[in-house]
Amino acid sequence: MNEFLQVVTFGEALQLLRDNFPLRRSVYMPLAEAVGAVVASDIISPEALPAFDRSTVDGYAVNAADTYGSSESLPAFMAYAGEIAMGCEAGIVLTPGQCAWIPTGGMLPGGANAAVMVEYTEKLADDTVLIYRPVGPWENIMQTGEDVAGNQLIFSTGHRLRPQDIGLLASLGIQEVKVYDTFEVGVISTGNEIIPVAEQPSIGQVRDVNSLALAAALKLCGARVNNYPIIPDDFDRLQQAVDQALSENDVLLLSGGSSVGIKDMTLDVLLKYPEASLLFHGLAVKPGKPTLGVRIGKKLAIGLPGHPVSALMMFHITCAPLLRSEPSFWREGKLDINLASQPGRDDFIPVQLKEAAGGGLMVHPLLGKSGLMSILALADGYVHIGYQQQGLKAGEQVKVVLF
């Protein structure tokens, strides 16, 4: 093969991948294990929270009207009717002029609609309680359903569960949640020059950066990763590895062998499958033109460039948005230098974010020789120069997609 078969724009490639990405399965997961999982179905509260009117202070439950006009010099005199036990029903109904001791979180008794903090009260020996400050109706009370109403939408589909979300669901008695199952993704590095990381490379050899870097990026996207042995430039061995990986994963990432060199055979292997459908072969982007996408039945195979910088950049812009169930994080800042670009392709420039002297952020492009891994390691994210743009000017406000 000596030419790209089906070159598309970045936008077209992303849409093709999105349209052909495997359907995401949903599973029920115990609440204790669900942090970080993505909600697959709207979660509705099964009950109100709190389930009863309760005090937010230690003090006395009262009818607010009985405290009106009270002050340090002229307190309201209230009859002590008893104590509300924590964790129990109130068991008391107050009549006008009565009060009851109530702890923080205690159930408000009938006849009461407020609580006076203990600091503004005094209990006398004859079971009279002096109230030195008035309260309004429902002051110091959390009413039924004030936190969460019954049948209220708590979390929508697509929400990623955080520790505080787990706490809220636990308070509602929810023991398991329907979440999206994580995708299983296989990673294969190819090429005669690739050797394991633990080995010392000879002249012309390079360590297998892509397997580890792509696996790390996949894990940050919430995927389960299966790494396979390095495959040399051998059609039959690559075919066997792809057979195994497709049977064990939803998505397959292959690095190397996707260009148009004599030994770049990834596409030939993938198109051997009767159910294979070529989505694209070649993107009008920099870096990462030798990227390909093939749908094989219900599975998706993506061939990434062999160069680690290009492979990682292409993963971030094409694969990561599909694996994550939430938008990418981004910041805005002002570009500190001009950036040239060639119309007719999308450019993705690694950048650093720096605090500007007058506040805000400055965006500094990291422009070195193409493919320097150290540049990508220094980058906070990237700037996208669109297909029809001729570049960006210094001082221009730009969006930085964070790694």
Protein backbone atom coordinates (compact mmCIF):
# COMPACT_ATOMS: atom_id res chain seq x y z
CA MET A 1 0.00 0.00 0.00
CA ASN A 2 1.55 3.35 -1.00
CA GLU A 3 -1.19 5.93 -0.40
CA PHE A 4 -3.81 6.89 2.17
CA LEU A 5 -7.09 5.35 1.09
CA GLN A 6 -9.69 7.61 2.67
CA VAL A 7 -8.46 10.90 4.14
CA VAL A 8 -11.02 12.86 6.18
CA THR A 9 -11.05 15.97 8.34
CA PHE A 10 -10.78 15.82 12.11
CA GLY A 11 -14.46 16.66 12.51
CA GLU A 12 -15.49 13.96 10.05
CA ALA A 13 -13.29 11.38 11.77
CA LEU A 14 -14.69 12.19 15.20
CA GLN A 15 -18.25 11.86 13.94
CA LEU A 16 -17.45 8.56 12.19
CA LEU A 17 -15.91 7.19 15.37
CA ARG A 18 -18.84 8.41 17.44
CA ASP A 19 -21.35 6.80 15.06
CA ASN A 20 -19.50 3.49 15.08
CA PHE A 21 -18.35 3.32 18.69
CA PRO A 22 -19.55 0.19 20.52
CA LEU A 23 -22.75 0.66 22.48
CA ARG A 24 -22.09 1.26 26.13
CA ARG A 25 -23.48 -1.47 28.38
CA SER A 26 -25.08 -0.65 31.71
CA VAL A 27 -24.72 -2.60 34.94
CA TYR A 28 -26.02 -2.35 38.49
CA MET A 29 -23.18 -1.56 40.87
CA PRO A 30 -23.15 -1.61 44.70
CA LEU A 31 -23.11 1.94 46.01
CA ALA A 32 -19.89 1.31 47.94
CA GLU A 33 -18.08 0.60 44.65
CA ALA A 34 -19.71 3.26 42.48
CA VAL A 35 -17.48 6.30 43.04
CA GLY A 36 -16.15 7.46 39.67
CA ALA A 37 -18.80 5.50 37.76
CA VAL A 38 -21.08 7.25 35.28
CA VAL A 39 -24.84 7.17 35.87
CA ALA A 40 -26.64 5.24 33.12
CA SER A 41 -30.20 6.14 34.11
CA ASP A 42 -31.69 9.14 35.90
CA ILE A 43 -31.67 8.65 39.67
CA ILE A 44 -34.91 9.70 41.39
CA SER A 45 -35.16 10.08 45.16
CA PRO A 46 -37.31 7.31 46.65
CA GLU A 47 -38.15 9.40 49.72
CA ALA A 48 -37.89 12.87 51.19
CA LEU A 49 -34.79 13.98 53.05
CA PRO A 50 -35.11 14.60 55.89
CA ALA A 51 -38.09 12.36 56.39
CA PHE A 52 -39.31 14.49 59.31
CA ASP A 53 -38.97 18.05 60.61
CA ARG A 54 -35.80 18.15 62.72
CA SER A 55 -33.83 20.65 64.75
CA THR A 56 -30.52 22.03 63.53
CA VAL A 57 -29.50 23.15 67.04
CA ASP A 58 -29.41 21.96 70.63
CA GLY A 59 -32.10 23.85 72.53
CA TYR A 60 -35.84 23.95 73.04
CA ALA A 61 -38.63 23.18 70.59
CA VAL A 62 -41.28 25.89 70.78
CA ASN A 63 -44.16 27.48 68.94
CA ALA A 64 -42.53 30.62 67.57
CA ALA A 65 -45.50 32.80 68.54
CA ASP A 66 -44.84 32.04 72.23
CA THR A 67 -41.42 33.73 72.01
CA TYR A 68 -42.45 36.99 70.38
CA GLY A 69 -41.36 40.05 72.38
CA SER A 70 -38.93 38.11 74.58
CA SER A 71 -35.60 39.74 75.47
CA GLU A 72 -32.78 39.61 78.01
CA SER A 73 -34.68 41.98 80.28
CA LEU A 74 -38.12 40.47 79.68
CA PRO A 75 -37.86 36.75 78.89
CA ALA A 76 -40.76 34.54 77.87
CA PHE A 77 -41.72 32.00 80.54
CA MET A 78 -42.34 28.51 79.09
CA ALA A 79 -43.50 25.32 80.76
CA TYR A 80 -41.07 22.41 80.30
CA ALA A 81 -42.93 19.46 78.73
CA GLY A 82 -40.11 16.92 78.50
CA GLU A 83 -37.18 15.82 76.35
CA ILE A 84 -37.02 14.63 72.76
CA ALA A 85 -34.77 11.56 72.58
CA MET A 86 -32.31 11.37 69.70
CA GLY A 87 -33.21 8.74 67.12
CA CYS A 88 -36.77 8.32 68.40
CA GLU A 89 -40.18 9.72 67.54
CA ALA A 90 -40.95 12.89 69.42
CA GLY A 91 -43.77 11.36 71.45
CA ILE A 92 -44.79 14.81 72.69
CA VAL A 93 -47.38 17.30 71.46
CA LEU A 94 -46.84 20.81 72.79
CA THR A 95 -49.68 23.05 73.86
CA PRO A 96 -49.41 26.87 73.87
CA GLY A 97 -46.79 28.04 76.36
CA GLN A 98 -44.93 24.71 76.45
CA CYS A 99 -41.44 23.77 75.23
CA ALA A 100 -39.38 20.59 75.04
CA TRP A 101 -35.64 19.96 75.05
CA ILE A 102 -34.47 18.91 71.58
CA PRO A 103 -30.98 17.87 70.42
CA THR A 104 -29.48 18.67 67.03
CA GLY A 105 -31.15 16.28 64.59
CA GLY A 106 -34.00 15.53 66.97
CA MET A 107 -37.56 15.19 65.65
CA LEU A 108 -39.70 18.29 66.08
CA PRO A 109 -42.69 17.53 68.32
CA GLY A 110 -46.26 18.31 67.37
CA GLY A 111 -47.32 21.85 68.22
CA ALA A 112 -43.80 23.22 67.63
CA ASN A 113 -42.53 25.10 64.59
CA ALA A 114 -39.14 26.42 65.72
CA ALA A 115 -36.22 25.79 68.04
CA VAL A 116 -34.43 28.22 70.35
CA MET A 117 -30.68 27.71 70.80
CA VAL A 118 -29.77 26.65 74.33
CA GLU A 119 -27.48 29.71 74.62
CA TYR A 120 -30.59 31.93 74.71
CA THR A 121 -32.48 29.96 77.36
CA GLU A 122 -32.35 29.20 81.06
CA LYS A 123 -34.03 26.27 82.80
CA LEU A 124 -35.20 26.94 86.34
CA ALA A 125 -35.59 24.40 89.11
CA ASP A 126 -39.39 24.36 88.87
CA ASP A 127 -39.30 23.18 85.24
CA THR A 128 -39.85 26.66 83.91
CA VAL A 129 -37.73 27.63 80.92
CA LEU A 130 -36.84 31.26 80.26
CA ILE A 131 -36.50 32.27 76.59
CA TYR A 132 -34.31 35.35 76.07
CA ARG A 133 -34.59 35.74 72.30
CA PRO A 134 -37.56 35.40 69.92
CA VAL A 135 -37.52 33.03 66.95
CA GLY A 136 -39.50 33.05 63.74
CA PRO A 137 -41.54 30.16 62.33
CA TRP A 138 -39.25 27.30 61.17
CA GLU A 139 -36.13 29.01 62.50
CA ASN A 140 -33.42 26.44 63.30
CA ILE A 141 -35.56 23.70 61.74
CA MET A 142 -34.87 21.60 58.66
CA GLN A 143 -38.28 20.80 57.29
CA THR A 144 -39.36 17.53 55.71
CA GLY A 145 -37.98 17.32 52.17
CA GLU A 146 -35.98 20.55 52.50
CA ASP A 147 -32.76 18.75 51.54
CA VAL A 148 -34.28 16.45 48.93
CA ALA A 149 -37.94 16.19 47.99
CA GLY A 150 -39.57 12.84 47.38
CA ASN A 151 -39.55 11.81 43.70
CA GLN A 152 -36.96 14.50 42.91
CA LEU A 153 -34.36 14.08 40.15
CA ILE A 154 -31.05 13.63 41.96
CA PHE A 155 -28.57 12.84 39.19
CA SER A 156 -29.10 12.76 35.44
CA THR A 157 -27.75 10.18 33.03
CA GLY A 158 -24.10 10.91 32.30
CA HIS A 159 -23.22 12.27 35.75
CA ARG A 160 -19.95 10.93 37.19
CA LEU A 161 -20.44 9.97 40.83
CA ARG A 162 -18.25 11.76 43.39
CA PRO A 163 -17.73 10.91 47.09
CA GLN A 164 -20.33 13.50 48.16
CA ASP A 165 -22.81 11.97 45.70
CA ILE A 166 -22.29 8.55 47.28
CA GLY A 167 -23.08 10.12 50.66
CA LEU A 168 -26.30 11.67 49.38
CA LEU A 169 -27.47 8.41 47.81
CA ALA A 170 -26.65 6.53 51.01
CA SER A 171 -28.75 8.99 53.02
CA LEU A 172 -31.68 8.11 50.74
CA GLY A 173 -31.23 4.39 51.34
CA ILE A 174 -30.09 3.68 47.78
CA GLN A 175 -27.89 0.59 47.85
CA GLU A 176 -27.02 0.14 44.18
CA VAL A 177 -26.99 2.33 41.10
CA LYS A 178 -27.30 1.72 37.38
CA VAL A 179 -24.06 2.87 35.78
CA TYR A 180 -22.27 2.46 32.48
CA ASP A 181 -19.93 -0.48 32.36
CA THR A 182 -16.38 0.50 31.51
CA PHE A 183 -15.11 -0.21 28.03
CA GLU A 184 -12.51 -2.93 27.62
CA VAL A 185 -9.70 -1.70 25.38
CA GLY A 186 -6.79 -3.67 23.96
CA VAL A 187 -3.44 -2.07 23.12
CA ILE A 188 -0.93 -3.52 20.65
CA SER A 189 2.40 -1.91 19.72
CA THR A 190 3.88 -2.98 16.39
CA GLY A 191 7.23 -2.68 14.66
CA ASN A 192 10.57 -4.48 14.39
CA GLU A 193 12.28 -1.59 16.14
CA ILE A 194 10.12 -1.74 19.30
CA ILE A 195 11.55 -3.50 22.37
CA PRO A 196 10.24 -3.90 25.95
CA VAL A 197 10.88 -1.01 28.35
CA ALA A 198 13.13 -3.16 30.55
CA GLU A 199 15.59 -3.88 27.73
CA GLN A 200 18.53 -1.76 26.60
CA PRO A 201 17.98 -0.61 23.00
CA SER A 202 20.57 -1.23 20.35
CA ILE A 203 21.17 1.19 17.49
CA GLY A 204 17.90 1.63 15.62
CA GLN A 205 15.72 0.25 18.43
CA VAL A 206 13.33 2.17 20.71
CA ARG A 207 11.56 1.21 23.90
CA ASP A 208 7.83 0.53 23.84
CA VAL A 209 6.51 3.89 25.00
CA ASN A 210 3.06 3.61 23.48
CA SER A 211 1.80 0.55 25.37
CA LEU A 212 2.41 2.20 28.73
CA ALA A 213 1.44 5.75 27.75
CA LEU A 214 -1.78 4.70 26.01
CA ALA A 215 -2.70 2.35 28.86
CA ALA A 216 -2.24 5.20 31.34
CA ALA A 217 -4.39 7.53 29.23
CA LEU A 218 -7.07 4.84 28.90
CA LYS A 219 -7.20 4.29 32.65
CA LEU A 220 -7.71 8.01 33.22
CA CYS A 221 -10.71 7.73 30.89
CA GLY A 222 -12.12 4.92 33.03
CA ALA A 223 -11.40 2.06 30.63
CA ARG A 224 -10.20 -1.43 31.49
CA VAL A 225 -6.96 -2.04 29.63
CA ASN A 226 -5.45 -5.19 28.16
CA ASN A 227 -1.87 -4.80 26.96
CA TYR A 228 -0.58 -7.35 24.45
CA PRO A 229 3.00 -8.35 23.54
CA ILE A 230 4.91 -6.26 21.01
CA ILE A 231 4.31 -7.55 17.48
CA PRO A 232 7.10 -7.29 14.87
CA ASP A 233 6.40 -6.49 11.23
CA ASP A 234 4.96 -9.91 10.48
CA PHE A 235 1.52 -10.17 8.88
CA ASP A 236 0.58 -13.57 10.34
CA ARG A 237 1.68 -12.71 13.88
CA LEU A 238 -0.16 -9.42 13.74
CA GLN A 239 -3.27 -11.21 12.44
CA GLN A 240 -3.14 -13.67 15.37
CA ALA A 241 -2.71 -10.85 17.90
CA VAL A 242 -5.60 -8.89 16.41
CA ASP A 243 -7.80 -12.02 16.41
CA GLN A 244 -7.21 -12.46 20.13
CA ALA A 245 -7.57 -8.77 20.99
CA LEU A 246 -10.84 -8.37 19.08
CA SER A 247 -12.31 -11.37 20.89
CA GLU A 248 -11.39 -9.91 24.29
CA ASN A 249 -12.12 -6.19 23.93
CA ASP A 250 -14.69 -3.63 22.80
CA VAL A 251 -12.08 -1.39 21.20
CA LEU A 252 -8.60 -2.12 19.87
CA LEU A 253 -5.81 0.45 19.64
CA LEU A 254 -2.82 -0.38 17.47
CA SER A 255 0.21 1.89 17.36
CA GLY A 256 2.48 1.79 14.34
CA GLY A 257 1.87 0.27 10.95
CA SER A 258 -0.91 2.68 9.98
CA SER A 259 1.11 4.83 7.58
CA VAL A 260 1.90 4.05 3.93
CA GLY A 261 5.35 2.49 4.26
CA ILE A 262 6.27 -0.87 2.79
CA LYS A 263 5.96 -2.62 6.16
CA ASP A 264 2.92 -0.70 7.42
CA MET A 265 0.42 -3.55 7.33
CA THR A 266 -2.12 -2.71 10.04
CA LEU A 267 -4.86 -1.73 7.60
CA ASP A 268 -4.29 -4.85 5.46
CA VAL A 269 -4.72 -7.05 8.53
CA LEU A 270 -7.88 -5.28 9.67
CA LEU A 271 -9.52 -5.34 6.25
CA LYS A 272 -9.02 -9.12 6.01
CA TYR A 273 -12.11 -9.57 8.21
CA PRO A 274 -15.27 -10.11 6.13
CA GLU A 275 -17.28 -7.79 8.39
CA ALA A 276 -14.65 -5.02 8.29
CA SER A 277 -15.67 -1.55 7.15
CA LEU A 278 -13.08 1.18 6.57
CA LEU A 279 -14.12 4.44 8.24
CA PHE A 280 -11.06 6.48 7.33
CA HIS A 281 -7.37 6.07 6.54
CA GLY A 282 -5.53 9.33 7.03
CA LEU A 283 -6.60 12.53 8.80
CA ALA A 284 -6.04 16.09 7.66
CA VAL A 285 -4.41 16.94 10.99
CA LYS A 286 -1.01 17.69 12.48
CA PRO A 287 0.31 15.73 14.26
CA GLY A 288 -1.24 12.35 13.48
CA LYS A 289 -2.07 12.12 9.79
CA PRO A 290 -1.41 8.32 9.64
CA THR A 291 -4.44 7.43 11.76
CA LEU A 292 -7.07 4.95 10.67
CA GLY A 293 -10.43 3.68 11.85
CA VAL A 294 -12.05 0.35 10.97
CA ARG A 295 -15.29 -1.11 12.25
CA ILE A 296 -15.20 -4.90 12.52
CA GLY A 297 -18.66 -6.19 13.36
CA LYS A 298 -19.56 -4.57 16.68
CA LYS A 299 -15.93 -3.81 17.51
CA LEU A 300 -13.83 -0.77 16.63
CA ALA A 301 -10.14 -0.81 15.72
CA ILE A 302 -8.16 2.43 15.67
CA GLY A 303 -4.69 2.53 14.18
CA LEU A 304 -2.55 5.26 15.73
CA PRO A 305 0.80 6.57 14.50
CA GLY A 306 3.83 4.75 15.85
CA HIS A 307 5.46 7.96 17.04
CA PRO A 308 4.61 8.33 20.76
CA VAL A 309 3.81 12.06 20.62
CA SER A 310 1.50 11.65 17.63
CA ALA A 311 -0.08 8.53 19.14
CA LEU A 312 -0.86 10.26 22.43
CA MET A 313 -2.12 13.44 20.79
CA MET A 314 -4.40 11.47 18.48
CA PHE A 315 -5.68 9.46 21.43
CA HIS A 316 -6.56 12.64 23.31
CA ILE A 317 -8.41 14.23 20.41
CA THR A 318 -10.19 11.18 18.94
CA CYS A 319 -10.48 8.39 21.51
CA ALA A 320 -10.69 10.14 24.87
CA PRO A 321 -13.89 12.11 24.09
CA LEU A 322 -15.66 8.84 23.23
CA LEU A 323 -14.43 6.86 26.23
CA ARG A 324 -15.29 9.53 28.75
CA SER A 325 -18.92 10.21 29.54
CA GLU A 326 -18.29 13.84 30.40
CA PRO A 327 -16.90 16.84 28.55
CA SER A 328 -13.17 17.53 28.53
CA PHE A 329 -11.86 20.01 31.06
CA TRP A 330 -10.63 23.27 29.59
CA ARG A 331 -9.36 26.73 30.49
CA GLU A 332 -9.13 30.00 28.61
CA GLY A 333 -6.18 32.32 28.33
CA LYS A 334 -4.35 34.73 26.04
CA LEU A 335 -1.87 33.42 23.52
CA ASP A 336 1.59 34.90 24.10
CA ILE A 337 2.96 34.43 20.56
CA ASN A 338 1.61 34.11 17.03
CA LEU A 339 0.80 30.62 15.80
CA ALA A 340 0.89 29.87 12.09
CA SER A 341 -1.22 27.14 10.54
CA GLN A 342 -1.88 25.73 7.10
CA PRO A 343 -5.52 25.96 5.94
CA GLY A 344 -6.99 22.62 5.00
CA ARG A 345 -5.96 20.76 8.13
CA ASP A 346 -6.58 20.88 11.88
CA ASP A 347 -3.53 21.62 14.03
CA PHE A 348 -3.21 20.62 17.67
CA ILE A 349 -0.48 22.51 19.52
CA PRO A 350 0.72 21.47 23.01
CA VAL A 351 0.79 24.45 25.37
CA GLN A 352 1.68 25.50 28.89
CA LEU A 353 -0.52 27.68 31.07
CA LYS A 354 1.15 30.48 33.03
CA GLU A 355 -0.20 33.11 35.41
CA ALA A 356 -0.32 36.48 33.67
CA ALA A 357 1.17 39.50 35.44
CA GLY A 358 -2.14 41.33 35.48
CA GLY A 359 -4.21 38.28 36.35
CA GLY A 360 -5.69 35.58 34.18
CA LEU A 361 -3.74 33.01 32.20
CA MET A 362 -1.17 33.22 29.45
CA VAL A 363 -1.05 30.37 26.93
CA HIS A 364 2.47 29.48 25.83
CA PRO A 365 2.82 27.13 22.83
CA LEU A 366 5.56 24.52 23.16
CA LEU A 367 7.19 24.67 19.75
CA GLY A 368 10.10 22.29 19.38
CA LYS A 369 11.11 19.66 16.92
CA SER A 370 8.16 17.49 16.02
CA GLY A 371 7.88 14.46 18.23
CA LEU A 372 9.83 15.48 21.33
CA MET A 373 8.31 13.54 24.25
CA SER A 374 9.67 16.08 26.74
CA ILE A 375 7.50 18.77 25.15
CA LEU A 376 4.35 16.73 25.69
CA ALA A 377 5.42 16.01 29.27
CA LEU A 378 5.70 19.76 29.92
CA ALA A 379 2.32 20.54 28.35
CA ASP A 380 -0.83 21.28 30.36
CA GLY A 381 -3.07 20.79 27.34
CA TYR A 382 -3.46 21.73 23.71
CA VAL A 383 -4.87 24.45 21.49
CA HIS A 384 -6.89 23.49 18.42
CA ILE A 385 -6.44 25.51 15.22
CA GLY A 386 -9.38 24.74 12.98
CA TYR A 387 -9.50 23.38 9.45
CA GLN A 388 -10.15 26.75 7.80
CA GLN A 389 -8.03 28.94 10.07
CA GLN A 390 -4.72 30.45 8.98
CA GLY A 391 -3.38 30.65 12.51
CA LEU A 392 -3.84 32.48 15.79
CA LYS A 393 -2.50 35.86 16.85
CA ALA A 394 -0.65 36.81 20.01
CA GLY A 395 -3.06 38.26 22.56
CA GLU A 396 -5.98 36.28 21.18
CA GLN A 397 -8.21 34.55 23.75
CA VAL A 398 -7.98 30.79 23.15
CA LYS A 399 -9.45 27.63 24.64
CA VAL A 400 -7.00 25.11 26.08
CA VAL A 401 -8.22 21.53 26.38
CA LEU A 402 -6.47 20.05 29.41
CA PHE A 403 -4.75 16.67 29.36
